[in-house]
């Protein structure tokens, strides 16, 4: 069911994709990757609150699931929850299994979130923000897969 849901998503049928992913979860609710995929779909459908809830389910079931923490950070940023987004990014960066592409994307997102805080007049640690910005400027975010069962193909909206 999950694979059919992903194929429906790829084919542009969001409603069918959602129904199939939810059916997959009804049959096997403990599958963190299905929760992550549903979260990505809901984010695509402009439903960030629901997407966040799915990413939380994924990370509750697999606390070291770096991709779900990354996706949650993106959605939390959209929702204006910068501190929670930064905490999620830190969980990605502390995970050795995250891989270089995901770590690079996490550094880019951390720099964007730090920039959001500066625009709102919040105090941001300048050393951390500067280091993230330097690394992010060289990060190959485009090297992440265009369609994936774990990560989103685009980071910023």
Protein backbone atom coordinates (compact mmCIF):
# COMPACT_ATOMS: atom_id res chain seq x y z
CA UNK A 1 0.00 0.00 0.00
CA UNK A 2 2.82 2.39 0.80
CA UNK A 3 4.41 1.91 -2.61
CA UNK A 4 1.05 2.47 -4.31
CA UNK A 5 0.65 5.63 -2.25
CA UNK A 6 4.05 6.90 -3.36
CA UNK A 7 3.21 6.11 -6.99
CA UNK A 8 -0.09 7.99 -6.65
CA UNK A 9 1.81 10.95 -5.19
CA UNK A 10 4.26 10.87 -8.06
CA UNK A 11 1.33 10.74 -10.47
CA UNK A 12 -0.15 13.86 -8.89
CA UNK A 13 -3.10 12.22 -7.15
CA UNK A 14 -2.68 13.55 -3.63
CA UNK A 15 -6.05 12.32 -2.38
CA UNK A 16 -5.39 8.76 -3.52
CA UNK A 17 -1.84 8.88 -2.16
CA UNK A 18 -3.11 10.03 1.24
CA UNK A 19 -5.79 7.34 1.34
CA UNK A 20 -3.29 4.60 0.49
CA UNK A 21 -0.69 5.79 3.00
CA UNK A 22 -3.34 6.00 5.73
CA UNK A 23 -4.50 2.47 4.88
CA UNK A 24 -0.89 1.31 5.13
CA UNK A 25 -0.65 2.91 8.57
CA UNK A 26 -3.92 1.32 9.65
CA UNK A 27 -2.43 -2.07 8.80
CA UNK A 28 1.01 -1.34 10.29
CA UNK A 29 0.99 1.78 12.48
CA UNK A 30 4.48 1.21 13.85
CA UNK A 31 6.22 1.90 10.52
CA UNK A 32 8.12 5.20 10.91
CA UNK A 33 8.94 5.52 7.20
CA UNK A 34 5.23 5.44 6.31
CA UNK A 35 4.56 8.22 8.83
CA UNK A 36 7.42 10.20 7.27
CA UNK A 37 6.05 9.67 3.75
CA UNK A 38 2.57 10.75 4.82
CA UNK A 39 4.08 13.84 6.45
CA UNK A 40 5.85 14.74 3.21
CA UNK A 41 2.64 14.29 1.25
CA UNK A 42 0.65 16.46 3.68
CA UNK A 43 3.35 19.12 3.47
CA UNK A 44 3.03 19.00 -0.33
CA UNK A 45 -0.72 19.44 0.12
CA UNK A 46 -0.11 22.61 2.20
CA UNK A 47 -1.15 20.98 5.48
CA UNK A 48 1.90 21.66 7.66
CA UNK A 49 0.22 21.06 11.04
CA UNK A 50 -0.81 17.57 9.99
CA UNK A 51 2.62 16.98 8.43
CA UNK A 52 4.27 17.95 11.73
CA UNK A 53 2.08 15.44 13.59
CA UNK A 54 3.18 12.70 11.17
CA UNK A 55 6.87 13.53 11.58
CA UNK A 56 6.39 13.41 15.35
CA UNK A 57 4.86 9.94 14.98
CA UNK A 58 7.83 8.83 12.86
CA UNK A 59 10.43 10.09 15.34
CA UNK A 60 8.49 8.71 18.31
CA UNK A 61 8.71 5.27 16.72
CA UNK A 62 12.35 5.69 15.65
CA UNK A 63 14.08 8.43 17.67
CA UNK A 64 17.24 8.37 15.53
CA UNK A 65 15.31 8.81 12.25
CA UNK A 66 17.32 11.74 10.89
CA UNK A 67 15.22 12.24 7.75
CA UNK A 68 12.02 12.63 9.76
CA UNK A 69 13.71 15.11 12.13
CA UNK A 70 14.91 17.08 9.08
CA UNK A 71 11.45 17.08 7.51
CA UNK A 72 9.92 18.12 10.83
CA UNK A 73 12.39 21.01 11.08
CA UNK A 74 11.31 22.25 7.63
CA UNK A 75 7.64 22.16 8.62
CA UNK A 76 8.27 23.72 12.02
CA UNK A 77 10.06 26.58 10.24
CA UNK A 78 7.00 27.08 8.02
CA UNK A 79 4.85 27.18 11.15
CA UNK A 80 7.09 29.87 12.67
CA UNK A 81 8.42 27.59 15.42
CA UNK A 82 12.10 28.39 15.00
CA UNK A 83 13.32 27.08 18.35
CA UNK A 84 11.64 23.71 17.83
CA UNK A 85 12.97 23.62 14.25
CA UNK A 86 16.51 24.25 15.48
CA UNK A 87 16.15 21.46 18.05
CA UNK A 88 15.09 19.07 15.29
CA UNK A 89 18.04 20.14 13.14
CA UNK A 90 20.43 19.51 16.01
CA UNK A 91 19.06 15.95 16.26
CA UNK A 92 19.88 15.47 12.56
CA UNK A 93 23.40 16.82 12.97
CA UNK A 94 24.06 14.63 16.02
CA UNK A 95 23.07 11.51 14.07
CA UNK A 96 26.16 9.95 12.50
CA UNK A 97 23.99 7.90 10.14
CA UNK A 98 22.44 11.01 8.57
CA UNK A 99 24.87 10.98 5.65
CA UNK A 100 26.63 13.92 4.02
CA UNK A 101 23.78 15.12 1.80
CA UNK A 102 21.27 15.21 4.65
CA UNK A 103 23.80 16.83 6.99
CA UNK A 104 24.53 19.49 4.36
CA UNK A 105 20.82 20.15 3.94
CA UNK A 106 20.45 20.38 7.71
CA UNK A 107 23.23 22.96 7.88
CA UNK A 108 21.54 24.99 5.15
CA UNK A 109 18.22 24.83 6.94
CA UNK A 110 19.85 25.79 10.26
CA UNK A 111 21.32 28.88 8.57
CA UNK A 112 17.90 29.80 7.16
CA UNK A 113 16.25 29.39 10.56
CA UNK A 114 18.98 31.52 12.17
CA UNK A 115 18.28 34.16 9.51
CA UNK A 116 14.58 34.01 10.35
CA UNK A 117 15.45 34.74 13.98
CA UNK A 118 17.59 37.73 13.03
CA UNK A 119 14.78 39.18 10.91
CA UNK A 120 12.45 38.90 13.91
CA UNK A 121 14.98 40.67 16.12
CA UNK A 122 15.80 37.61 18.19
CA UNK A 123 19.26 36.97 19.52
CA UNK A 124 21.16 34.44 17.46
CA UNK A 125 24.56 33.02 18.34
CA UNK A 126 26.67 34.70 15.63
CA UNK A 127 29.40 32.05 15.69
CA UNK A 128 26.96 29.21 15.04
CA UNK A 129 25.06 31.16 12.39
CA UNK A 130 28.26 32.19 10.60
CA UNK A 131 29.63 28.66 10.62
CA UNK A 132 26.36 27.28 9.31
CA UNK A 133 26.22 29.91 6.58
CA UNK A 134 29.76 29.14 5.39
CA UNK A 135 29.11 25.42 5.21
CA UNK A 136 25.66 25.93 3.71
CA UNK A 137 27.01 28.03 0.86
CA UNK A 138 28.89 24.97 -0.42
CA UNK A 139 26.30 22.35 0.50
CA UNK A 140 25.03 20.31 -2.46
CA UNK A 141 21.36 20.27 -1.50
CA UNK A 142 20.46 19.30 -5.06
CA UNK A 143 22.22 15.98 -4.58
CA UNK A 144 19.40 14.68 -2.45
CA UNK A 145 17.06 12.35 -4.38
CA UNK A 146 14.21 13.97 -6.28
CA UNK A 147 11.74 11.39 -5.01
CA UNK A 148 12.44 9.52 -1.88
CA UNK A 149 10.62 7.54 0.71
CA UNK A 150 12.41 9.48 3.41
CA UNK A 151 13.38 13.03 2.46
CA UNK A 152 11.82 15.90 0.63
CA UNK A 153 13.17 17.00 -2.72
CA UNK A 154 13.12 20.68 -1.88
CA UNK A 155 14.03 22.37 1.34
CA UNK A 156 12.81 25.96 1.28
CA UNK A 157 9.50 27.43 0.26
